[in-house]
């Protein structure tokens, strides 16, 4: 599973050929969440409140890049890295 970004101990990943709806995985320690790209709704899992807020803030800034990377990964190509939250 390609790593798209890493910030504040949070790792953002996407699986190749993953199921719809378009989403990404955010991992923080032992916790993992799947977030839908278009709505930023949590599909499954949970993160601590502050970590989830940081992930959503980052995703709002990079939604177009996430959509592009979803298309790449969904077609079996390598997604591009995305800048971290600073």
PDB file of N, CA and C in Angstrom:
ATOM      1  N   UNK A   1       0.855  -1.169   0.000  1.00  0.00           N
ATOM      2  CA  UNK A   1       0.000   0.000   0.000  1.00  0.00           C
ATOM      3  C   UNK A   1       0.899   1.230   0.000  1.00  0.00           C
ATOM      4  N   UNK A   2       0.804   2.075  -1.024  1.00  0.00           N
ATOM      5  CA  UNK A   2       1.665   3.256  -1.089  1.00  0.00           C
ATOM      6  C   UNK A   2       1.370   4.278   0.010  1.00  0.00           C
ATOM      7  N   UNK A   3       2.433   4.842   0.528  1.00  0.00           N
ATOM      8  CA  UNK A   3       2.321   5.930   1.494  1.00  0.00           C
ATOM      9  C   UNK A   3       2.296   7.239   0.716  1.00  0.00           C
ATOM     10  N   UNK A   4       1.255   8.041   0.930  1.00  0.00           N
ATOM     11  CA  UNK A   4       1.120   9.321   0.238  1.00  0.00           C
ATOM     12  C   UNK A   4       1.745  10.461   1.016  1.00  0.00           C
ATOM     13  N   UNK A   5       1.677  10.372   2.340  1.00  0.00           N
ATOM     14  CA  UNK A   5       2.107  11.498   3.160  1.00  0.00           C
ATOM     15  C   UNK A   5       2.302  11.031   4.601  1.00  0.00           C
ATOM     16  N   UNK A   6       3.101  11.810   5.337  1.00  0.00           N
ATOM     17  CA  UNK A   6       3.337  11.550   6.756  1.00  0.00           C
ATOM     18  C   UNK A   6       3.503  12.898   7.455  1.00  0.00           C
ATOM     19  N   UNK A   7       2.742  13.107   8.524  1.00  0.00           N
ATOM     20  CA  UNK A   7       2.857  14.344   9.306  1.00  0.00           C
ATOM     21  C   UNK A   7       2.357  14.105  10.727  1.00  0.00           C
ATOM     22  N   UNK A   8       3.033  14.688  11.692  1.00  0.00           N
ATOM     23  CA  UNK A   8       2.659  14.610  13.104  1.00  0.00           C
ATOM     24  C   UNK A   8       2.363  13.176  13.556  1.00  0.00           C
ATOM     25  N   UNK A   9       3.116  12.215  13.037  1.00  0.00           N
ATOM     26  CA  UNK A   9       2.935  10.821  13.411  1.00  0.00           C
ATOM     27  C   UNK A   9       1.784  10.123  12.706  1.00  0.00           C
ATOM     28  N   UNK A  10       1.132  10.814  11.770  1.00  0.00           N
ATOM     29  CA  UNK A  10       0.011  10.260  11.013  1.00  0.00           C
ATOM     30  C   UNK A  10       0.535   9.829   9.647  1.00  0.00           C
ATOM     31  N   UNK A  11       0.139   8.649   9.213  1.00  0.00           N
ATOM     32  CA  UNK A  11       0.538   8.135   7.902  1.00  0.00           C
ATOM     33  C   UNK A  11      -0.706   8.030   7.033  1.00  0.00           C
ATOM     34  N   UNK A  12      -0.633   8.601   5.841  1.00  0.00           N
ATOM     35  CA  UNK A  12      -1.734   8.553   4.885  1.00  0.00           C
ATOM     36  C   UNK A  12      -1.349   7.574   3.782  1.00  0.00           C
ATOM     37  N   UNK A  13      -2.258   6.606   3.512  1.00  0.00           N
ATOM     38  CA  UNK A  13      -1.990   5.568   2.511  1.00  0.00           C
ATOM     39  C   UNK A  13      -3.217   5.348   1.635  1.00  0.00           C
ATOM     40  N   UNK A  14      -2.961   4.684   0.497  1.00  0.00           N
ATOM     41  CA  UNK A  14      -4.021   4.255  -0.409  1.00  0.00           C
ATOM     42  C   UNK A  14      -3.670   2.876  -0.934  1.00  0.00           C
ATOM     43  N   UNK A  15      -4.654   1.996  -1.001  1.00  0.00           N
ATOM     44  CA  UNK A  15      -4.447   0.674  -1.579  1.00  0.00           C
ATOM     45  C   UNK A  15      -4.594   0.739  -3.097  1.00  0.00           C
ATOM     46  N   UNK A  16      -3.859  -0.125  -3.801  1.00  0.00           N
ATOM     47  CA  UNK A  16      -4.068  -0.296  -5.235  1.00  0.00           C
ATOM     48  C   UNK A  16      -5.393  -1.023  -5.443  1.00  0.00           C
ATOM     49  N   UNK A  17      -6.118  -0.615  -6.480  1.00  0.00           N
ATOM     50  CA  UNK A  17      -7.370  -1.299  -6.864  1.00  0.00           C
ATOM     51  C   UNK A  17      -8.327  -1.488  -5.691  1.00  0.00           C
ATOM     52  N   UNK A  18      -8.420  -0.508  -4.809  1.00  0.00           N
ATOM     53  CA  UNK A  18      -9.304  -0.588  -3.647  1.00  0.00           C
ATOM     54  C   UNK A  18     -10.757  -0.387  -4.090  1.00  0.00           C
ATOM     55  N   UNK A  19     -11.686  -0.724  -3.198  1.00  0.00           N
ATOM     56  CA  UNK A  19     -13.117  -0.623  -3.478  1.00  0.00           C
ATOM     57  C   UNK A  19     -13.585   0.828  -3.445  1.00  0.00           C
ATOM     58  N   UNK A  20     -14.703   1.081  -4.121  1.00  0.00           N
ATOM     59  CA  UNK A  20     -15.354   2.391  -4.037  1.00  0.00           C
ATOM     60  C   UNK A  20     -16.106   2.483  -2.717  1.00  0.00           C
ATOM     61  N   UNK A  21     -16.415   3.656  -2.231  1.00  0.00           N
ATOM     62  CA  UNK A  21     -16.153   4.972  -2.789  1.00  0.00           C
ATOM     63  C   UNK A  21     -14.673   5.340  -2.647  1.00  0.00           C
ATOM     64  N   UNK A  22     -14.211   6.300  -3.459  1.00  0.00           N
ATOM     65  CA  UNK A  22     -12.824   6.749  -3.337  1.00  0.00           C
ATOM     66  C   UNK A  22     -12.524   7.185  -1.897  1.00  0.00           C
ATOM     67  N   UNK A  23     -11.431   6.656  -1.351  1.00  0.00           N
ATOM     68  CA  UNK A  23     -11.101   6.936   0.044  1.00  0.00           C
ATOM     69  C   UNK A  23      -9.597   6.775   0.261  1.00  0.00           C
ATOM     70  N   UNK A  24      -9.154   7.171   1.436  1.00  0.00           N
ATOM     71  CA  UNK A  24      -7.771   6.954   1.840  1.00  0.00           C
ATOM     72  C   UNK A  24      -7.766   6.425   3.265  1.00  0.00           C
ATOM     73  N   UNK A  25      -6.634   5.885   3.661  1.00  0.00           N
ATOM     74  CA  UNK A  25      -6.448   5.335   4.998  1.00  0.00           C
ATOM     75  C   UNK A  25      -5.520   6.269   5.764  1.00  0.00           C
ATOM     76  N   UNK A  26      -5.862   6.565   7.002  1.00  0.00           N
ATOM     77  CA  UNK A  26      -4.999   7.344   7.888  1.00  0.00           C
ATOM     78  C   UNK A  26      -4.695   6.475   9.107  1.00  0.00           C
ATOM     79  N   UNK A  27      -3.410   6.346   9.414  1.00  0.00           N
ATOM     80  CA  UNK A  27      -2.975   5.520  10.538  1.00  0.00           C
ATOM     81  C   UNK A  27      -2.247   6.403  11.537  1.00  0.00           C
ATOM     82  N   UNK A  28      -2.616   6.241  12.802  1.00  0.00           N
ATOM     83  CA  UNK A  28      -1.965   6.969  13.886  1.00  0.00           C
ATOM     84  C   UNK A  28      -1.780   5.982  15.028  1.00  0.00           C
ATOM     85  N   UNK A  29      -0.538   5.564  15.236  1.00  0.00           N
ATOM     86  CA  UNK A  29      -0.272   4.551  16.258  1.00  0.00           C
ATOM     87  C   UNK A  29      -0.984   3.261  15.909  1.00  0.00           C
ATOM     88  N   UNK A  30      -1.797   2.764  16.819  1.00  0.00           N
ATOM     89  CA  UNK A  30      -2.547   1.524  16.620  1.00  0.00           C
ATOM     90  C   UNK A  30      -3.890   1.751  15.937  1.00  0.00           C
ATOM     91  N   UNK A  31      -4.270   3.012  15.736  1.00  0.00           N
ATOM     92  CA  UNK A  31      -5.591   3.342  15.203  1.00  0.00           C
ATOM     93  C   UNK A  31      -5.534   3.604  13.712  1.00  0.00           C
ATOM     94  N   UNK A  32      -6.617   3.240  13.028  1.00  0.00           N
ATOM     95  CA  UNK A  32      -6.715   3.468  11.588  1.00  0.00           C
ATOM     96  C   UNK A  32      -8.131   3.875  11.238  1.00  0.00           C
ATOM     97  N   UNK A  33      -8.245   4.746  10.247  1.00  0.00           N
ATOM     98  CA  UNK A  33      -9.543   5.205   9.785  1.00  0.00           C
ATOM     99  C   UNK A  33      -9.524   5.255   8.260  1.00  0.00           C
ATOM    100  N   UNK A  34     -10.670   4.975   7.642  1.00  0.00           N
ATOM    101  CA  UNK A  34     -10.860   5.151   6.207  1.00  0.00           C
ATOM    102  C   UNK A  34     -11.738   6.372   6.032  1.00  0.00           C
ATOM    103  N   UNK A  35     -11.312   7.290   5.174  1.00  0.00           N
ATOM    104  CA  UNK A  35     -12.049   8.539   4.968  1.00  0.00           C
ATOM    105  C   UNK A  35     -12.388   8.683   3.499  1.00  0.00           C
ATOM    106  N   UNK A  36     -13.667   8.915   3.230  1.00  0.00           N
ATOM    107  CA  UNK A  36     -14.132   9.136   1.862  1.00  0.00           C
ATOM    108  C   UNK A  36     -13.612  10.486   1.371  1.00  0.00           C
ATOM    109  N   UNK A  37     -13.064  10.509   0.178  1.00  0.00           N
ATOM    110  CA  UNK A  37     -12.431  11.721  -0.343  1.00  0.00           C
ATOM    111  C   UNK A  37     -13.446  12.827  -0.597  1.00  0.00           C
ATOM    112  N   UNK A  38     -14.565  12.508  -1.219  1.00  0.00           N
ATOM    113  CA  UNK A  38     -15.514  13.556  -1.598  1.00  0.00           C
ATOM    114  C   UNK A  38     -16.219  14.208  -0.417  1.00  0.00           C
ATOM    115  N   UNK A  39     -16.581  13.413   0.588  1.00  0.00           N
ATOM    116  CA  UNK A  39     -17.344  13.955   1.715  1.00  0.00           C
ATOM    117  C   UNK A  39     -16.510  14.168   2.973  1.00  0.00           C
ATOM    118  N   UNK A  40     -15.342  13.548   3.014  1.00  0.00           N
ATOM    119  CA  UNK A  40     -14.471  13.511   4.193  1.00  0.00           C
ATOM    120  C   UNK A  40     -15.149  12.845   5.389  1.00  0.00           C
ATOM    121  N   UNK A  41     -16.132  12.001   5.087  1.00  0.00           N
ATOM    122  CA  UNK A  41     -16.801  11.228   6.133  1.00  0.00           C
ATOM    123  C   UNK A  41     -15.954  10.006   6.485  1.00  0.00           C
ATOM    124  N   UNK A  42     -15.992   9.634   7.749  1.00  0.00           N
ATOM    125  CA  UNK A  42     -15.313   8.417   8.190  1.00  0.00           C
ATOM    126  C   UNK A  42     -16.143   7.227   7.731  1.00  0.00           C
ATOM    127  N   UNK A  43     -15.533   6.359   6.938  1.00  0.00           N
ATOM    128  CA  UNK A  43     -16.201   5.162   6.430  1.00  0.00           C
ATOM    129  C   UNK A  43     -16.093   4.038   7.450  1.00  0.00           C
ATOM    130  N   UNK A  44     -14.929   3.922   8.072  1.00  0.00           N
ATOM    131  CA  UNK A  44     -14.687   2.841   9.035  1.00  0.00           C
ATOM    132  C   UNK A  44     -13.510   3.215   9.920  1.00  0.00           C
ATOM    133  N   UNK A  45     -13.554   2.770  11.143  1.00  0.00           N
ATOM    134  CA  UNK A  45     -12.442   2.965  12.072  1.00  0.00           C
ATOM    135  C   UNK A  45     -12.566   4.253  12.866  1.00  0.00           C
ATOM    136  N   UNK A  46     -11.501   4.531  13.602  1.00  0.00           N
ATOM    137  CA  UNK A  46     -11.476   5.762  14.394  1.00  0.00           C
ATOM    138  C   UNK A  46     -10.051   6.159  14.713  1.00  0.00           C
ATOM    139  N   UNK A  47      -9.891   7.439  14.945  1.00  0.00           N
ATOM    140  CA  UNK A  47      -8.627   8.039  15.395  1.00  0.00           C
ATOM    141  C   UNK A  47      -8.938   8.903  16.600  1.00  0.00           C
ATOM    142  N   UNK A  48      -7.935   9.204  17.411  1.00  0.00           N
ATOM    143  CA  UNK A  48      -8.150  10.200  18.459  1.00  0.00           C
ATOM    144  C   UNK A  48      -8.638  11.512  17.826  1.00  0.00           C
ATOM    145  N   UNK A  49      -9.451  12.234  18.549  1.00  0.00           N
ATOM    146  CA  UNK A  49     -10.102  13.441  18.041  1.00  0.00           C
ATOM    147  C   UNK A  49      -9.125  14.420  17.386  1.00  0.00           C
ATOM    148  N   UNK A  50      -8.024  14.718  18.031  1.00  0.00           N
ATOM    149  CA  UNK A  50      -7.059  15.688  17.491  1.00  0.00           C
ATOM    150  C   UNK A  50      -6.414  15.165  16.207  1.00  0.00           C
ATOM    151  N   UNK A  51      -6.049  13.897  16.170  1.00  0.00           N
ATOM    152  CA  UNK A  51      -5.452  13.311  14.970  1.00  0.00           C
ATOM    153  C   UNK A  51      -6.441  13.349  13.809  1.00  0.00           C
ATOM    154  N   UNK A  52      -7.707  13.024  14.074  1.00  0.00           N
ATOM    155  CA  UNK A  52      -8.723  13.069  13.025  1.00  0.00           C
ATOM    156  C   UNK A  52      -8.905  14.491  12.503  1.00  0.00           C
ATOM    157  N   UNK A  53      -8.896  15.463  13.390  1.00  0.00           N
ATOM    158  CA  UNK A  53      -9.027  16.862  12.961  1.00  0.00           C
ATOM    159  C   UNK A  53      -7.870  17.261  12.051  1.00  0.00           C
ATOM    160  N   UNK A  54      -6.666  16.823  12.368  1.00  0.00           N
ATOM    161  CA  UNK A  54      -5.512  17.125  11.515  1.00  0.00           C
ATOM    162  C   UNK A  54      -5.634  16.457  10.150  1.00  0.00           C
ATOM    163  N   UNK A  55      -6.103  15.219  10.129  1.00  0.00           N
ATOM    164  CA  UNK A  55      -6.276  14.499   8.863  1.00  0.00           C
ATOM    165  C   UNK A  55      -7.308  15.216   7.999  1.00  0.00           C
ATOM    166  N   UNK A  56      -8.425  15.609   8.578  1.00  0.00           N
ATOM    167  CA  UNK A  56      -9.462  16.299   7.810  1.00  0.00           C
ATOM    168  C   UNK A  56      -8.950  17.646   7.308  1.00  0.00           C
ATOM    169  N   UNK A  57      -8.237  18.380   8.143  1.00  0.00           N
ATOM    170  CA  UNK A  57      -7.655  19.658   7.718  1.00  0.00           C
ATOM    171  C   UNK A  57      -6.729  19.452   6.520  1.00  0.00           C
ATOM    172  N   UNK A  58      -5.879  18.437   6.601  1.00  0.00           N
ATOM    173  CA  UNK A  58      -4.960  18.117   5.503  1.00  0.00           C
ATOM    174  C   UNK A  58      -5.731  17.734   4.250  1.00  0.00           C
ATOM    175  N   UNK A  59      -6.753  16.896   4.394  1.00  0.00           N
ATOM    176  CA  UNK A  59      -7.523  16.411   3.245  1.00  0.00           C
ATOM    177  C   UNK A  59      -8.261  17.542   2.536  1.00  0.00           C
ATOM    178  N   UNK A  60      -8.771  18.505   3.284  1.00  0.00           N
ATOM    179  CA  UNK A  60      -9.436  19.663   2.673  1.00  0.00           C
ATOM    180  C   UNK A  60      -8.462  20.401   1.763  1.00  0.00           C
ATOM    181  N   UNK A  61      -7.236  20.542   2.207  1.00  0.00           N
ATOM    182  CA  UNK A  61      -6.219  21.252   1.419  1.00  0.00           C
ATOM    183  C   UNK A  61      -5.768  20.469   0.190  1.00  0.00           C
ATOM    184  N   UNK A  62      -5.893  19.153   0.216  1.00  0.00           N
ATOM    185  CA  UNK A  62      -5.313  18.312  -0.834  1.00  0.00           C
ATOM    186  C   UNK A  62      -6.341  17.397  -1.510  1.00  0.00           C
ATOM    187  N   UNK A  63      -7.599  17.787  -1.491  1.00  0.00           N
ATOM    188  CA  UNK A  63      -8.646  16.922  -2.041  1.00  0.00           C
ATOM    189  C   UNK A  63      -8.425  16.609  -3.525  1.00  0.00           C
ATOM    190  N   UNK A  64      -8.040  17.597  -4.321  1.00  0.00           N
ATOM    191  CA  UNK A  64      -7.797  17.348  -5.750  1.00  0.00           C
ATOM    192  C   UNK A  64      -6.664  16.342  -5.954  1.00  0.00           C
ATOM    193  N   UNK A  65      -5.616  16.481  -5.167  1.00  0.00           N
ATOM    194  CA  UNK A  65      -4.497  15.540  -5.265  1.00  0.00           C
ATOM    195  C   UNK A  65      -4.918  14.137  -4.819  1.00  0.00           C
ATOM    196  N   UNK A  66      -5.758  14.064  -3.801  1.00  0.00           N
ATOM    197  CA  UNK A  66      -6.267  12.767  -3.350  1.00  0.00           C
ATOM    198  C   UNK A  66      -7.100  12.109  -4.438  1.00  0.00           C
ATOM    199  N   UNK A  67      -7.929  12.882  -5.118  1.00  0.00           N
ATOM    200  CA  UNK A  67      -8.728  12.329  -6.227  1.00  0.00           C
ATOM    201  C   UNK A  67      -7.814  11.820  -7.342  1.00  0.00           C
ATOM    202  N   UNK A  68      -6.792  12.606  -7.664  1.00  0.00           N
ATOM    203  CA  UNK A  68      -5.840  12.191  -8.704  1.00  0.00           C
ATOM    204  C   UNK A  68      -5.134  10.901  -8.290  1.00  0.00           C
ATOM    205  N   UNK A  69      -4.680  10.838  -7.052  1.00  0.00           N
ATOM    206  CA  UNK A  69      -3.991   9.645  -6.573  1.00  0.00           C
ATOM    207  C   UNK A  69      -4.927   8.440  -6.524  1.00  0.00           C
ATOM    208  N   UNK A  70      -6.196   8.650  -6.180  1.00  0.00           N
ATOM    209  CA  UNK A  70      -7.160   7.552  -6.200  1.00  0.00           C
ATOM    210  C   UNK A  70      -7.241   6.969  -7.611  1.00  0.00           C
ATOM    211  N   UNK A  71      -7.353   7.843  -8.608  1.00  0.00           N
ATOM    212  CA  UNK A  71      -7.442   7.380  -9.995  1.00  0.00           C
ATOM    213  C   UNK A  71      -6.192   6.597 -10.389  1.00  0.00           C
ATOM    214  N   UNK A  72      -5.033   7.091  -9.982  1.00  0.00           N
ATOM    215  CA  UNK A  72      -3.787   6.385 -10.287  1.00  0.00           C
ATOM    216  C   UNK A  72      -3.748   5.017  -9.609  1.00  0.00           C
ATOM    217  N   UNK A  73      -3.982   4.987  -8.310  1.00  0.00           N
ATOM    218  CA  UNK A  73      -3.916   3.724  -7.555  1.00  0.00           C
ATOM    219  C   UNK A  73      -4.992   2.749  -8.023  1.00  0.00           C
ATOM    220  N   UNK A  74      -6.171   3.271  -8.309  1.00  0.00           N
ATOM    221  CA  UNK A  74      -7.275   2.414  -8.734  1.00  0.00           C
ATOM    222  C   UNK A  74      -6.978   1.745 -10.073  1.00  0.00           C
ATOM    223  N   UNK A  75      -6.143   2.389 -10.886  1.00  0.00           N
ATOM    224  CA  UNK A  75      -5.764   1.799 -12.174  1.00  0.00           C
ATOM    225  C   UNK A  75      -4.443   1.036 -12.093  1.00  0.00           C
ATOM    226  N   UNK A  76      -3.914   0.855 -10.864  1.00  0.00           N
ATOM    227  CA  UNK A  76      -2.707   0.065 -10.669  1.00  0.00           C
ATOM    228  C   UNK A  76      -1.415   0.834 -10.829  1.00  0.00           C
ATOM    229  N   UNK A  77      -1.516   2.158 -10.987  1.00  0.00           N
ATOM    230  CA  UNK A  77      -0.310   2.980 -11.111  1.00  0.00           C
ATOM    231  C   UNK A  77       0.065   3.572  -9.754  1.00  0.00           C
ATOM    232  N   UNK A  78       1.298   3.995  -9.637  1.00  0.00           N
ATOM    233  CA  UNK A  78       1.810   4.529  -8.370  1.00  0.00           C
ATOM    234  C   UNK A  78       1.300   5.953  -8.131  1.00  0.00           C
ATOM    235  N   UNK A  79       0.621   6.186  -7.013  1.00  0.00           N
ATOM    236  CA  UNK A  79       0.171   7.548  -6.701  1.00  0.00           C
ATOM    237  C   UNK A  79       1.356   8.437  -6.337  1.00  0.00           C
ATOM    238  N   UNK A  80       1.163   9.732  -6.526  1.00  0.00           N
ATOM    239  CA  UNK A  80       2.207  10.713  -6.233  1.00  0.00           C
ATOM    240  C   UNK A  80       2.166  11.113  -4.760  1.00  0.00           C
ATOM    241  N   UNK A  81       3.324  11.421  -4.185  1.00  0.00           N
ATOM    242  CA  UNK A  81       3.344  11.921  -2.812  1.00  0.00           C
ATOM    243  C   UNK A  81       2.585  13.247  -2.713  1.00  0.00           C
ATOM    244  N   UNK A  82       2.048  13.520  -1.538  1.00  0.00           N
ATOM    245  CA  UNK A  82       1.326  14.762  -1.270  1.00  0.00           C
ATOM    246  C   UNK A  82       2.018  15.456  -0.101  1.00  0.00           C
ATOM    247  N   UNK A  83       2.117  16.767  -0.181  1.00  0.00           N
ATOM    248  CA  UNK A  83       2.797  17.550   0.859  1.00  0.00           C
ATOM    249  C   UNK A  83       2.133  17.352   2.220  1.00  0.00           C
ATOM    250  N   UNK A  84       2.927  17.333   3.270  1.00  0.00           N
ATOM    251  CA  UNK A  84       2.370  17.172   4.614  1.00  0.00           C
ATOM    252  C   UNK A  84       1.740  18.457   5.148  1.00  0.00           C
ATOM    253  N   UNK A  85       0.973  18.310   6.198  1.00  0.00           N
ATOM    254  CA  UNK A  85       0.435  19.443   6.918  1.00  0.00           C
ATOM    255  C   UNK A  85       1.559  20.047   7.731  1.00  0.00           C
ATOM    256  N   UNK A  86       1.668  21.343   7.717  1.00  0.00           N
ATOM    257  CA  UNK A  86       2.753  22.001   8.473  1.00  0.00           C
ATOM    258  C   UNK A  86       2.204  22.886   9.549  1.00  0.00           C
TER     259      UNK A  86
END
